[in-house]
């Protein structure tokens, strides 16, 4: 199964996800979207698959520092524009597999995804 882990290298949650994948011998490609960028078409596909609400990290520092006007009246178009401009606003990690997307890191969800 092809597995790509998207996020930011130094994020603590990313480190936990990578450690889990490594410990369970799951082969994956790591894509640092701060360093390597993020294809807008991929972001559109993610939003179509899980919704912008699942992807936008409203609790993160990058989002909280935005002016109130930028955070008001969010919709898919506005949220995608924010995430394209500043990928650090995307909830981490995004794990892309043949089975679909997993947003965030929860060990029990990873275990279920890679079981058997």
PDB file of N, CA and C in Angstrom:
ATOM      1  N   UNK A   1       0.850  -1.173   0.000  1.00  0.00           N
ATOM      2  CA  UNK A   1       0.000   0.000   0.000  1.00  0.00           C
ATOM      3  C   UNK A   1       0.891   1.230   0.000  1.00  0.00           C
ATOM      4  N   UNK A   2       0.603   2.161  -0.884  1.00  0.00           N
ATOM      5  CA  UNK A   2       1.352   3.408  -0.961  1.00  0.00           C
ATOM      6  C   UNK A   2       0.897   4.340   0.160  1.00  0.00           C
ATOM      7  N   UNK A   3       1.853   4.847   0.929  1.00  0.00           N
ATOM      8  CA  UNK A   3       1.541   5.691   2.084  1.00  0.00           C
ATOM      9  C   UNK A   3       2.393   6.949   2.019  1.00  0.00           C
ATOM     10  N   UNK A   4       1.730   8.099   2.130  1.00  0.00           N
ATOM     11  CA  UNK A   4       2.440   9.361   2.200  1.00  0.00           C
ATOM     12  C   UNK A   4       1.974  10.094   3.448  1.00  0.00           C
ATOM     13  N   UNK A   5       2.917  10.585   4.207  1.00  0.00           N
ATOM     14  CA  UNK A   5       2.645  11.335   5.425  1.00  0.00           C
ATOM     15  C   UNK A   5       2.976  12.797   5.154  1.00  0.00           C
ATOM     16  N   UNK A   6       1.989  13.660   5.273  1.00  0.00           N
ATOM     17  CA  UNK A   6       2.146  15.083   5.014  1.00  0.00           C
ATOM     18  C   UNK A   6       2.153  15.845   6.325  1.00  0.00           C
ATOM     19  N   UNK A   7       3.025  16.837   6.412  1.00  0.00           N
ATOM     20  CA  UNK A   7       3.069  17.682   7.586  1.00  0.00           C
ATOM     21  C   UNK A   7       4.314  18.535   7.601  1.00  0.00           C
ATOM     22  N   UNK A   8       4.717  18.889   8.810  1.00  0.00           N
ATOM     23  CA  UNK A   8       5.887  19.733   9.032  1.00  0.00           C
ATOM     24  C   UNK A   8       6.854  18.955   9.911  1.00  0.00           C
ATOM     25  N   UNK A   9       8.091  18.880   9.493  1.00  0.00           N
ATOM     26  CA  UNK A   9       9.072  18.009  10.138  1.00  0.00           C
ATOM     27  C   UNK A   9       9.178  18.176  11.653  1.00  0.00           C
ATOM     28  N   UNK A  10       9.229  19.387  12.145  1.00  0.00           N
ATOM     29  CA  UNK A  10       9.513  19.588  13.568  1.00  0.00           C
ATOM     30  C   UNK A  10       8.292  19.604  14.473  1.00  0.00           C
ATOM     31  N   UNK A  11       7.125  19.363  13.939  1.00  0.00           N
ATOM     32  CA  UNK A  11       5.896  19.314  14.734  1.00  0.00           C
ATOM     33  C   UNK A  11       5.928  18.087  15.654  1.00  0.00           C
ATOM     34  N   UNK A  12       5.593  18.264  16.924  1.00  0.00           N
ATOM     35  CA  UNK A  12       5.613  17.155  17.884  1.00  0.00           C
ATOM     36  C   UNK A  12       4.667  16.023  17.488  1.00  0.00           C
ATOM     37  N   UNK A  13       3.489  16.362  16.993  1.00  0.00           N
ATOM     38  CA  UNK A  13       2.548  15.330  16.572  1.00  0.00           C
ATOM     39  C   UNK A  13       3.088  14.561  15.382  1.00  0.00           C
ATOM     40  N   UNK A  14       3.763  15.254  14.491  1.00  0.00           N
ATOM     41  CA  UNK A  14       4.380  14.587  13.345  1.00  0.00           C
ATOM     42  C   UNK A  14       5.444  13.596  13.812  1.00  0.00           C
ATOM     43  N   UNK A  15       6.223  14.007  14.788  1.00  0.00           N
ATOM     44  CA  UNK A  15       7.270  13.119  15.314  1.00  0.00           C
ATOM     45  C   UNK A  15       6.656  11.846  15.889  1.00  0.00           C
ATOM     46  N   UNK A  16       5.515  11.978  16.585  1.00  0.00           N
ATOM     47  CA  UNK A  16       4.831  10.806  17.142  1.00  0.00           C
ATOM     48  C   UNK A  16       4.316   9.896  16.030  1.00  0.00           C
ATOM     49  N   UNK A  17       3.735  10.496  15.004  1.00  0.00           N
ATOM     50  CA  UNK A  17       3.203   9.704  13.894  1.00  0.00           C
ATOM     51  C   UNK A  17       4.327   8.964  13.165  1.00  0.00           C
ATOM     52  N   UNK A  18       5.419   9.662  12.902  1.00  0.00           N
ATOM     53  CA  UNK A  18       6.541   9.025  12.214  1.00  0.00           C
ATOM     54  C   UNK A  18       7.133   7.912  13.067  1.00  0.00           C
ATOM     55  N   UNK A  19       7.232   8.145  14.376  1.00  0.00           N
ATOM     56  CA  UNK A  19       7.761   7.117  15.273  1.00  0.00           C
ATOM     57  C   UNK A  19       6.850   5.885  15.270  1.00  0.00           C
ATOM     58  N   UNK A  20       5.531   6.108  15.265  1.00  0.00           N
ATOM     59  CA  UNK A  20       4.595   4.986  15.236  1.00  0.00           C
ATOM     60  C   UNK A  20       4.764   4.201  13.944  1.00  0.00           C
ATOM     61  N   UNK A  21       4.795   4.879  12.818  1.00  0.00           N
ATOM     62  CA  UNK A  21       4.951   4.205  11.528  1.00  0.00           C
ATOM     63  C   UNK A  21       6.261   3.431  11.465  1.00  0.00           C
ATOM     64  N   UNK A  22       7.336   4.042  11.944  1.00  0.00           N
ATOM     65  CA  UNK A  22       8.639   3.369  11.957  1.00  0.00           C
ATOM     66  C   UNK A  22       8.614   2.133  12.851  1.00  0.00           C
ATOM     67  N   UNK A  23       8.032   2.253  14.044  1.00  0.00           N
ATOM     68  CA  UNK A  23       7.983   1.145  14.999  1.00  0.00           C
ATOM     69  C   UNK A  23       7.143  -0.020  14.473  1.00  0.00           C
ATOM     70  N   UNK A  24       6.193   0.272  13.606  1.00  0.00           N
ATOM     71  CA  UNK A  24       5.318  -0.768  13.067  1.00  0.00           C
ATOM     72  C   UNK A  24       5.693  -1.159  11.629  1.00  0.00           C
ATOM     73  N   UNK A  25       6.913  -0.779  11.241  1.00  0.00           N
ATOM     74  CA  UNK A  25       7.457  -1.150   9.928  1.00  0.00           C
ATOM     75  C   UNK A  25       6.530  -0.802   8.759  1.00  0.00           C
ATOM     76  N   UNK A  26       5.914   0.368   8.854  1.00  0.00           N
ATOM     77  CA  UNK A  26       5.079   0.852   7.754  1.00  0.00           C
ATOM     78  C   UNK A  26       5.950   1.736   6.864  1.00  0.00           C
ATOM     79  N   UNK A  27       6.103   1.333   5.616  1.00  0.00           N
ATOM     80  CA  UNK A  27       6.893   2.129   4.663  1.00  0.00           C
ATOM     81  C   UNK A  27       6.053   3.327   4.231  1.00  0.00           C
ATOM     82  N   UNK A  28       6.671   4.486   4.229  1.00  0.00           N
ATOM     83  CA  UNK A  28       5.956   5.706   3.858  1.00  0.00           C
ATOM     84  C   UNK A  28       6.927   6.724   3.295  1.00  0.00           C
ATOM     85  N   UNK A  29       6.370   7.674   2.576  1.00  0.00           N
ATOM     86  CA  UNK A  29       7.109   8.820   2.071  1.00  0.00           C
ATOM     87  C   UNK A  29       6.672  10.007   2.919  1.00  0.00           C
ATOM     88  N   UNK A  30       7.624  10.802   3.381  1.00  0.00           N
ATOM     89  CA  UNK A  30       7.290  11.994   4.157  1.00  0.00           C
ATOM     90  C   UNK A  30       7.364  13.215   3.254  1.00  0.00           C
ATOM     91  N   UNK A  31       6.298  14.017   3.281  1.00  0.00           N
ATOM     92  CA  UNK A  31       6.243  15.248   2.490  1.00  0.00           C
ATOM     93  C   UNK A  31       6.067  16.422   3.446  1.00  0.00           C
ATOM     94  N   UNK A  32       7.093  17.240   3.549  1.00  0.00           N
ATOM     95  CA  UNK A  32       7.056  18.430   4.409  1.00  0.00           C
ATOM     96  C   UNK A  32       6.486  19.576   3.589  1.00  0.00           C
ATOM     97  N   UNK A  33       5.209  19.914   3.845  1.00  0.00           N
ATOM     98  CA  UNK A  33       4.613  20.923   2.984  1.00  0.00           C
ATOM     99  C   UNK A  33       5.036  22.340   3.310  1.00  0.00           C
ATOM    100  N   UNK A  34       5.744  22.529   4.364  1.00  0.00           N
ATOM    101  CA  UNK A  34       6.345  23.852   4.585  1.00  0.00           C
ATOM    102  C   UNK A  34       7.563  24.004   3.674  1.00  0.00           C
ATOM    103  N   UNK A  35       8.339  22.945   3.561  1.00  0.00           N
ATOM    104  CA  UNK A  35       9.563  22.968   2.752  1.00  0.00           C
ATOM    105  C   UNK A  35       9.281  22.671   1.276  1.00  0.00           C
ATOM    106  N   UNK A  36       8.440  21.655   1.025  1.00  0.00           N
ATOM    107  CA  UNK A  36       8.216  21.166  -0.326  1.00  0.00           C
ATOM    108  C   UNK A  36       6.975  21.750  -0.993  1.00  0.00           C
ATOM    109  N   UNK A  37       6.184  22.505  -0.243  1.00  0.00           N
ATOM    110  CA  UNK A  37       4.956  23.066  -0.791  1.00  0.00           C
ATOM    111  C   UNK A  37       3.843  22.032  -0.818  1.00  0.00           C
ATOM    112  N   UNK A  38       2.680  22.478  -1.242  1.00  0.00           N
ATOM    113  CA  UNK A  38       1.531  21.580  -1.339  1.00  0.00           C
ATOM    114  C   UNK A  38       0.771  21.912  -2.605  1.00  0.00           C
ATOM    115  N   UNK A  39       0.562  20.921  -3.422  1.00  0.00           N
ATOM    116  CA  UNK A  39      -0.154  21.078  -4.683  1.00  0.00           C
ATOM    117  C   UNK A  39      -1.602  21.488  -4.396  1.00  0.00           C
ATOM    118  N   UNK A  40      -2.058  22.602  -4.956  1.00  0.00           N
ATOM    119  CA  UNK A  40      -3.444  23.047  -4.724  1.00  0.00           C
ATOM    120  C   UNK A  40      -4.490  22.000  -5.113  1.00  0.00           C
ATOM    121  N   UNK A  41      -4.202  21.206  -6.137  1.00  0.00           N
ATOM    122  CA  UNK A  41      -5.154  20.166  -6.529  1.00  0.00           C
ATOM    123  C   UNK A  41      -5.257  19.066  -5.470  1.00  0.00           C
ATOM    124  N   UNK A  42      -4.150  18.779  -4.815  1.00  0.00           N
ATOM    125  CA  UNK A  42      -4.178  17.787  -3.734  1.00  0.00           C
ATOM    126  C   UNK A  42      -5.015  18.326  -2.574  1.00  0.00           C
ATOM    127  N   UNK A  43      -4.805  19.588  -2.229  1.00  0.00           N
ATOM    128  CA  UNK A  43      -5.588  20.196  -1.154  1.00  0.00           C
ATOM    129  C   UNK A  43      -7.080  20.166  -1.506  1.00  0.00           C
ATOM    130  N   UNK A  44      -7.426  20.469  -2.747  1.00  0.00           N
ATOM    131  CA  UNK A  44      -8.831  20.412  -3.182  1.00  0.00           C
ATOM    132  C   UNK A  44      -9.392  19.002  -3.020  1.00  0.00           C
ATOM    133  N   UNK A  45      -8.602  17.999  -3.375  1.00  0.00           N
ATOM    134  CA  UNK A  45      -9.038  16.607  -3.239  1.00  0.00           C
ATOM    135  C   UNK A  45      -9.252  16.250  -1.771  1.00  0.00           C
ATOM    136  N   UNK A  46      -8.354  16.711  -0.899  1.00  0.00           N
ATOM    137  CA  UNK A  46      -8.521  16.465   0.532  1.00  0.00           C
ATOM    138  C   UNK A  46      -9.803  17.105   1.039  1.00  0.00           C
ATOM    139  N   UNK A  47     -10.029  18.350   0.651  1.00  0.00           N
ATOM    140  CA  UNK A  47     -11.233  19.055   1.102  1.00  0.00           C
ATOM    141  C   UNK A  47     -12.477  18.330   0.601  1.00  0.00           C
ATOM    142  N   UNK A  48     -12.441  17.861  -0.632  1.00  0.00           N
ATOM    143  CA  UNK A  48     -13.574  17.107  -1.175  1.00  0.00           C
ATOM    144  C   UNK A  48     -13.786  15.810  -0.396  1.00  0.00           C
ATOM    145  N   UNK A  49     -12.698  15.181   0.029  1.00  0.00           N
ATOM    146  CA  UNK A  49     -12.772  13.904   0.724  1.00  0.00           C
ATOM    147  C   UNK A  49     -13.217  14.029   2.180  1.00  0.00           C
ATOM    148  N   UNK A  50     -12.633  14.974   2.926  1.00  0.00           N
ATOM    149  CA  UNK A  50     -12.907  15.039   4.371  1.00  0.00           C
ATOM    150  C   UNK A  50     -13.521  16.354   4.825  1.00  0.00           C
ATOM    151  N   UNK A  51     -13.570  17.349   3.932  1.00  0.00           N
ATOM    152  CA  UNK A  51     -14.129  18.650   4.308  1.00  0.00           C
ATOM    153  C   UNK A  51     -13.070  19.575   4.873  1.00  0.00           C
ATOM    154  N   UNK A  52     -13.223  20.872   4.621  1.00  0.00           N
ATOM    155  CA  UNK A  52     -12.234  21.838   5.095  1.00  0.00           C
ATOM    156  C   UNK A  52     -12.210  21.924   6.612  1.00  0.00           C
ATOM    157  N   UNK A  53     -13.350  21.652   7.249  1.00  0.00           N
ATOM    158  CA  UNK A  53     -13.414  21.736   8.709  1.00  0.00           C
ATOM    159  C   UNK A  53     -12.467  20.737   9.372  1.00  0.00           C
ATOM    160  N   UNK A  54     -12.317  19.570   8.765  1.00  0.00           N
ATOM    161  CA  UNK A  54     -11.416  18.553   9.313  1.00  0.00           C
ATOM    162  C   UNK A  54      -9.954  18.913   9.091  1.00  0.00           C
ATOM    163  N   UNK A  55      -9.677  19.663   8.050  1.00  0.00           N
ATOM    164  CA  UNK A  55      -8.296  19.987   7.692  1.00  0.00           C
ATOM    165  C   UNK A  55      -7.762  21.255   8.339  1.00  0.00           C
ATOM    166  N   UNK A  56      -8.603  22.243   8.527  1.00  0.00           N
ATOM    167  CA  UNK A  56      -8.139  23.531   9.042  1.00  0.00           C
ATOM    168  C   UNK A  56      -7.902  23.446  10.543  1.00  0.00           C
ATOM    169  N   UNK A  57      -6.690  23.723  10.950  1.00  0.00           N
ATOM    170  CA  UNK A  57      -6.320  23.678  12.371  1.00  0.00           C
ATOM    171  C   UNK A  57      -6.593  25.040  13.007  1.00  0.00           C
ATOM    172  N   UNK A  58      -7.798  25.200  13.511  1.00  0.00           N
ATOM    173  CA  UNK A  58      -8.187  26.472  14.123  1.00  0.00           C
ATOM    174  C   UNK A  58      -7.525  26.700  15.476  1.00  0.00           C
ATOM    175  N   UNK A  59      -7.023  25.641  16.094  1.00  0.00           N
ATOM    176  CA  UNK A  59      -6.384  25.777  17.407  1.00  0.00           C
ATOM    177  C   UNK A  59      -4.912  26.170  17.298  1.00  0.00           C
ATOM    178  N   UNK A  60      -4.348  26.086  16.115  1.00  0.00           N
ATOM    179  CA  UNK A  60      -2.928  26.363  15.932  1.00  0.00           C
ATOM    180  C   UNK A  60      -2.598  27.839  15.992  1.00  0.00           C
ATOM    181  N   UNK A  61      -1.360  28.111  16.315  1.00  0.00           N
ATOM    182  CA  UNK A  61      -0.870  29.484  16.445  1.00  0.00           C
ATOM    183  C   UNK A  61      -1.021  30.267  15.155  1.00  0.00           C
ATOM    184  N   UNK A  62      -0.735  29.652  14.025  1.00  0.00           N
ATOM    185  CA  UNK A  62      -0.803  30.357  12.746  1.00  0.00           C
ATOM    186  C   UNK A  62      -2.215  30.885  12.495  1.00  0.00           C
ATOM    187  N   UNK A  63      -3.220  30.054  12.749  1.00  0.00           N
ATOM    188  CA  UNK A  63      -4.598  30.483  12.550  1.00  0.00           C
ATOM    189  C   UNK A  63      -5.008  31.534  13.577  1.00  0.00           C
ATOM    190  N   UNK A  64      -4.664  31.311  14.814  1.00  0.00           N
ATOM    191  CA  UNK A  64      -5.068  32.244  15.879  1.00  0.00           C
ATOM    192  C   UNK A  64      -4.476  33.633  15.691  1.00  0.00           C
ATOM    193  N   UNK A  65      -3.313  33.729  15.045  1.00  0.00           N
ATOM    194  CA  UNK A  65      -2.675  35.029  14.823  1.00  0.00           C
ATOM    195  C   UNK A  65      -3.295  35.815  13.667  1.00  0.00           C
ATOM    196  N   UNK A  66      -4.172  35.181  12.909  1.00  0.00           N
ATOM    197  CA  UNK A  66      -4.818  35.881  11.796  1.00  0.00           C
ATOM    198  C   UNK A  66      -5.712  37.007  12.316  1.00  0.00           C
ATOM    199  N   UNK A  67      -5.880  38.048  11.528  1.00  0.00           N
ATOM    200  CA  UNK A  67      -6.845  39.079  11.907  1.00  0.00           C
ATOM    201  C   UNK A  67      -8.260  38.480  11.933  1.00  0.00           C
ATOM    202  N   UNK A  68      -9.118  39.035  12.772  1.00  0.00           N
ATOM    203  CA  UNK A  68     -10.474  38.511  12.902  1.00  0.00           C
ATOM    204  C   UNK A  68     -11.205  38.454  11.570  1.00  0.00           C
ATOM    205  N   UNK A  69     -10.968  39.423  10.713  1.00  0.00           N
ATOM    206  CA  UNK A  69     -11.641  39.460   9.406  1.00  0.00           C
ATOM    207  C   UNK A  69     -11.283  38.231   8.565  1.00  0.00           C
ATOM    208  N   UNK A  70     -10.055  37.758   8.675  1.00  0.00           N
ATOM    209  CA  UNK A  70      -9.630  36.585   7.903  1.00  0.00           C
ATOM    210  C   UNK A  70     -10.267  35.302   8.440  1.00  0.00           C
ATOM    211  N   UNK A  71     -10.604  35.292   9.734  1.00  0.00           N
ATOM    212  CA  UNK A  71     -11.201  34.113  10.348  1.00  0.00           C
ATOM    213  C   UNK A  71     -12.728  34.103  10.260  1.00  0.00           C
ATOM    214  N   UNK A  72     -13.312  35.222   9.898  1.00  0.00           N
ATOM    215  CA  UNK A  72     -14.776  35.343   9.869  1.00  0.00           C
ATOM    216  C   UNK A  72     -15.351  34.726   8.597  1.00  0.00           C
ATOM    217  N   UNK A  73     -16.551  34.219   8.711  1.00  0.00           N
ATOM    218  CA  UNK A  73     -17.315  33.714   7.561  1.00  0.00           C
ATOM    219  C   UNK A  73     -16.530  32.711   6.724  1.00  0.00           C
ATOM    220  N   UNK A  74     -15.922  31.746   7.386  1.00  0.00           N
ATOM    221  CA  UNK A  74     -15.148  30.744   6.652  1.00  0.00           C
ATOM    222  C   UNK A  74     -16.068  29.845   5.836  1.00  0.00           C
ATOM    223  N   UNK A  75     -15.595  29.512   4.655  1.00  0.00           N
ATOM    224  CA  UNK A  75     -16.246  28.517   3.810  1.00  0.00           C
ATOM    225  C   UNK A  75     -15.131  27.730   3.124  1.00  0.00           C
ATOM    226  N   UNK A  76     -15.478  26.784   2.284  1.00  0.00           N
ATOM    227  CA  UNK A  76     -14.425  25.950   1.694  1.00  0.00           C
ATOM    228  C   UNK A  76     -13.444  26.762   0.860  1.00  0.00           C
ATOM    229  N   UNK A  77     -13.927  27.717   0.088  1.00  0.00           N
ATOM    230  CA  UNK A  77     -13.036  28.525  -0.753  1.00  0.00           C
ATOM    231  C   UNK A  77     -12.079  29.359   0.089  1.00  0.00           C
ATOM    232  N   UNK A  78     -12.603  30.026   1.101  1.00  0.00           N
ATOM    233  CA  UNK A  78     -11.779  30.885   1.952  1.00  0.00           C
ATOM    234  C   UNK A  78     -10.791  30.050   2.778  1.00  0.00           C
ATOM    235  N   UNK A  79     -11.252  28.927   3.309  1.00  0.00           N
ATOM    236  CA  UNK A  79     -10.380  28.060   4.111  1.00  0.00           C
ATOM    237  C   UNK A  79      -9.260  27.483   3.248  1.00  0.00           C
ATOM    238  N   UNK A  80      -9.581  27.071   2.018  1.00  0.00           N
ATOM    239  CA  UNK A  80      -8.542  26.529   1.139  1.00  0.00           C
ATOM    240  C   UNK A  80      -7.520  27.594   0.791  1.00  0.00           C
ATOM    241  N   UNK A  81      -7.956  28.814   0.569  1.00  0.00           N
ATOM    242  CA  UNK A  81      -7.017  29.900   0.276  1.00  0.00           C
ATOM    243  C   UNK A  81      -6.073  30.125   1.449  1.00  0.00           C
ATOM    244  N   UNK A  82      -6.599  30.080   2.668  1.00  0.00           N
ATOM    245  CA  UNK A  82      -5.746  30.238   3.857  1.00  0.00           C
ATOM    246  C   UNK A  82      -4.726  29.110   3.952  1.00  0.00           C
ATOM    247  N   UNK A  83      -5.177  27.870   3.746  1.00  0.00           N
ATOM    248  CA  UNK A  83      -4.280  26.714   3.861  1.00  0.00           C
ATOM    249  C   UNK A  83      -3.249  26.690   2.738  1.00  0.00           C
ATOM    250  N   UNK A  84      -3.625  27.135   1.534  1.00  0.00           N
ATOM    251  CA  UNK A  84      -2.658  27.201   0.437  1.00  0.00           C
ATOM    252  C   UNK A  84      -1.572  28.222   0.734  1.00  0.00           C
ATOM    253  N   UNK A  85      -1.988  29.360   1.263  1.00  0.00           N
ATOM    254  CA  UNK A  85      -1.039  30.430   1.550  1.00  0.00           C
ATOM    255  C   UNK A  85      -0.121  30.064   2.711  1.00  0.00           C
ATOM    256  N   UNK A  86      -0.680  29.408   3.725  1.00  0.00           N
ATOM    257  CA  UNK A  86       0.094  29.037   4.910  1.00  0.00           C
ATOM    258  C   UNK A  86      -0.222  27.584   5.289  1.00  0.00           C
ATOM    259  N   UNK A  87       0.489  26.626   4.709  1.00  0.00           N
ATOM    260  CA  UNK A  87       0.207  25.211   4.974  1.00  0.00           C
ATOM    261  C   UNK A  87       0.305  24.828   6.457  1.00  0.00           C
ATOM    262  N   UNK A  88       0.953  25.646   7.276  1.00  0.00           N
ATOM    263  CA  UNK A  88       1.008  25.345   8.708  1.00  0.00           C
ATOM    264  C   UNK A  88      -0.384  25.354   9.338  1.00  0.00           C
ATOM    265  N   UNK A  89      -1.374  25.881   8.628  1.00  0.00           N
ATOM    266  CA  UNK A  89      -2.753  25.879   9.130  1.00  0.00           C
ATOM    267  C   UNK A  89      -3.456  24.549   8.899  1.00  0.00           C
ATOM    268  N   UNK A  90      -2.812  23.638   8.190  1.00  0.00           N
ATOM    269  CA  UNK A  90      -3.417  22.334   7.951  1.00  0.00           C
ATOM    270  C   UNK A  90      -3.142  21.453   9.166  1.00  0.00           C
ATOM    271  N   UNK A  91      -4.195  20.837   9.662  1.00  0.00           N
ATOM    272  CA  UNK A  91      -4.059  19.923  10.806  1.00  0.00           C
ATOM    273  C   UNK A  91      -3.071  18.833  10.430  1.00  0.00           C
ATOM    274  N   UNK A  92      -2.252  18.458  11.387  1.00  0.00           N
ATOM    275  CA  UNK A  92      -1.192  17.487  11.121  1.00  0.00           C
ATOM    276  C   UNK A  92      -1.340  16.259  12.026  1.00  0.00           C
ATOM    277  N   UNK A  93      -0.837  15.167  11.476  1.00  0.00           N
ATOM    278  CA  UNK A  93      -0.442  14.901  10.102  1.00  0.00           C
ATOM    279  C   UNK A  93      -1.643  14.574   9.222  1.00  0.00           C
ATOM    280  N   UNK A  94      -1.400  14.591   7.933  1.00  0.00           N
ATOM    281  CA  UNK A  94      -2.344  14.050   6.964  1.00  0.00           C
ATOM    282  C   UNK A  94      -1.682  12.793   6.417  1.00  0.00           C
ATOM    283  N   UNK A  95      -2.318  11.664   6.656  1.00  0.00           N
ATOM    284  CA  UNK A  95      -1.804  10.381   6.186  1.00  0.00           C
ATOM    285  C   UNK A  95      -2.660   9.946   5.006  1.00  0.00           C
ATOM    286  N   UNK A  96      -2.015   9.809   3.863  1.00  0.00           N
ATOM    287  CA  UNK A  96      -2.728   9.450   2.638  1.00  0.00           C
ATOM    288  C   UNK A  96      -2.372   8.018   2.271  1.00  0.00           C
ATOM    289  N   UNK A  97      -3.389   7.172   2.196  1.00  0.00           N
ATOM    290  CA  UNK A  97      -3.194   5.767   1.837  1.00  0.00           C
ATOM    291  C   UNK A  97      -4.195   5.395   0.750  1.00  0.00           C
ATOM    292  N   UNK A  98      -4.062   4.199   0.233  1.00  0.00           N
ATOM    293  CA  UNK A  98      -5.015   3.703  -0.757  1.00  0.00           C
ATOM    294  C   UNK A  98      -6.410   3.586  -0.152  1.00  0.00           C
ATOM    295  N   UNK A  99      -6.492   3.471   1.160  1.00  0.00           N
ATOM    296  CA  UNK A  99      -7.786   3.356   1.841  1.00  0.00           C
ATOM    297  C   UNK A  99      -8.426   4.716   2.104  1.00  0.00           C
ATOM    298  N   UNK A 100      -7.680   5.792   1.917  1.00  0.00           N
ATOM    299  CA  UNK A 100      -8.220   7.126   2.158  1.00  0.00           C
ATOM    300  C   UNK A 100      -7.287   7.965   3.010  1.00  0.00           C
ATOM    301  N   UNK A 101      -7.868   8.991   3.629  1.00  0.00           N
ATOM    302  CA  UNK A 101      -7.096   9.937   4.445  1.00  0.00           C
ATOM    303  C   UNK A 101      -7.346   9.717   5.926  1.00  0.00           C
ATOM    304  N   UNK A 102      -6.306   9.925   6.703  1.00  0.00           N
ATOM    305  CA  UNK A 102      -6.414   9.970   8.162  1.00  0.00           C
ATOM    306  C   UNK A 102      -5.846  11.319   8.574  1.00  0.00           C
ATOM    307  N   UNK A 103      -6.651  12.123   9.255  1.00  0.00           N
ATOM    308  CA  UNK A 103      -6.239  13.460   9.668  1.00  0.00           C
ATOM    309  C   UNK A 103      -5.945  13.437  11.152  1.00  0.00           C
ATOM    310  N   UNK A 104      -4.775  13.923  11.526  1.00  0.00           N
ATOM    311  CA  UNK A 104      -4.365  13.887  12.935  1.00  0.00           C
ATOM    312  C   UNK A 104      -3.739  12.539  13.255  1.00  0.00           C
ATOM    313  N   UNK A 105      -3.177  12.442  14.447  1.00  0.00           N
ATOM    314  CA  UNK A 105      -2.549  11.180  14.844  1.00  0.00           C
ATOM    315  C   UNK A 105      -3.229  10.631  16.090  1.00  0.00           C
ATOM    316  N   UNK A 106      -3.807   9.450  15.908  1.00  0.00           N
ATOM    317  CA  UNK A 106      -4.346   8.682  17.027  1.00  0.00           C
ATOM    318  C   UNK A 106      -3.848   7.250  16.824  1.00  0.00           C
ATOM    319  N   UNK A 107      -3.034   6.753  17.729  1.00  0.00           N
ATOM    320  CA  UNK A 107      -2.423   5.427  17.538  1.00  0.00           C
ATOM    321  C   UNK A 107      -3.443   4.333  17.231  1.00  0.00           C
ATOM    322  N   UNK A 108      -4.599   4.364  17.891  1.00  0.00           N
ATOM    323  CA  UNK A 108      -5.600   3.321  17.658  1.00  0.00           C
ATOM    324  C   UNK A 108      -6.157   3.376  16.234  1.00  0.00           C
ATOM    325  N   UNK A 109      -6.256   4.563  15.669  1.00  0.00           N
ATOM    326  CA  UNK A 109      -6.731   4.697  14.283  1.00  0.00           C
ATOM    327  C   UNK A 109      -5.665   4.187  13.303  1.00  0.00           C
ATOM    328  N   UNK A 110      -4.398   4.498  13.586  1.00  0.00           N
ATOM    329  CA  UNK A 110      -3.325   3.983  12.733  1.00  0.00           C
ATOM    330  C   UNK A 110      -3.280   2.453  12.819  1.00  0.00           C
ATOM    331  N   UNK A 111      -3.443   1.910  14.013  1.00  0.00           N
ATOM    332  CA  UNK A 111      -3.412   0.468  14.191  1.00  0.00           C
ATOM    333  C   UNK A 111      -4.532  -0.189  13.392  1.00  0.00           C
ATOM    334  N   UNK A 112      -5.718   0.369  13.426  1.00  0.00           N
ATOM    335  CA  UNK A 112      -6.838  -0.184  12.666  1.00  0.00           C
ATOM    336  C   UNK A 112      -6.593  -0.077  11.165  1.00  0.00           C
ATOM    337  N   UNK A 113      -6.024   1.020  10.742  1.00  0.00           N
ATOM    338  CA  UNK A 113      -5.763   1.237   9.325  1.00  0.00           C
ATOM    339  C   UNK A 113      -4.758   0.237   8.763  1.00  0.00           C
ATOM    340  N   UNK A 114      -3.752  -0.112   9.558  1.00  0.00           N
ATOM    341  CA  UNK A 114      -2.689  -0.981   9.073  1.00  0.00           C
ATOM    342  C   UNK A 114      -2.802  -2.414   9.600  1.00  0.00           C
ATOM    343  N   UNK A 115      -3.922  -2.769  10.209  1.00  0.00           N
ATOM    344  CA  UNK A 115      -4.117  -4.109  10.735  1.00  0.00           C
ATOM    345  C   UNK A 115      -4.199  -5.113   9.584  1.00  0.00           C
ATOM    346  N   UNK A 116      -3.554  -6.255   9.794  1.00  0.00           N
ATOM    347  CA  UNK A 116      -3.642  -7.361   8.845  1.00  0.00           C
ATOM    348  C   UNK A 116      -3.170  -7.015   7.521  1.00  0.00           C
TER     349      UNK A 116
END
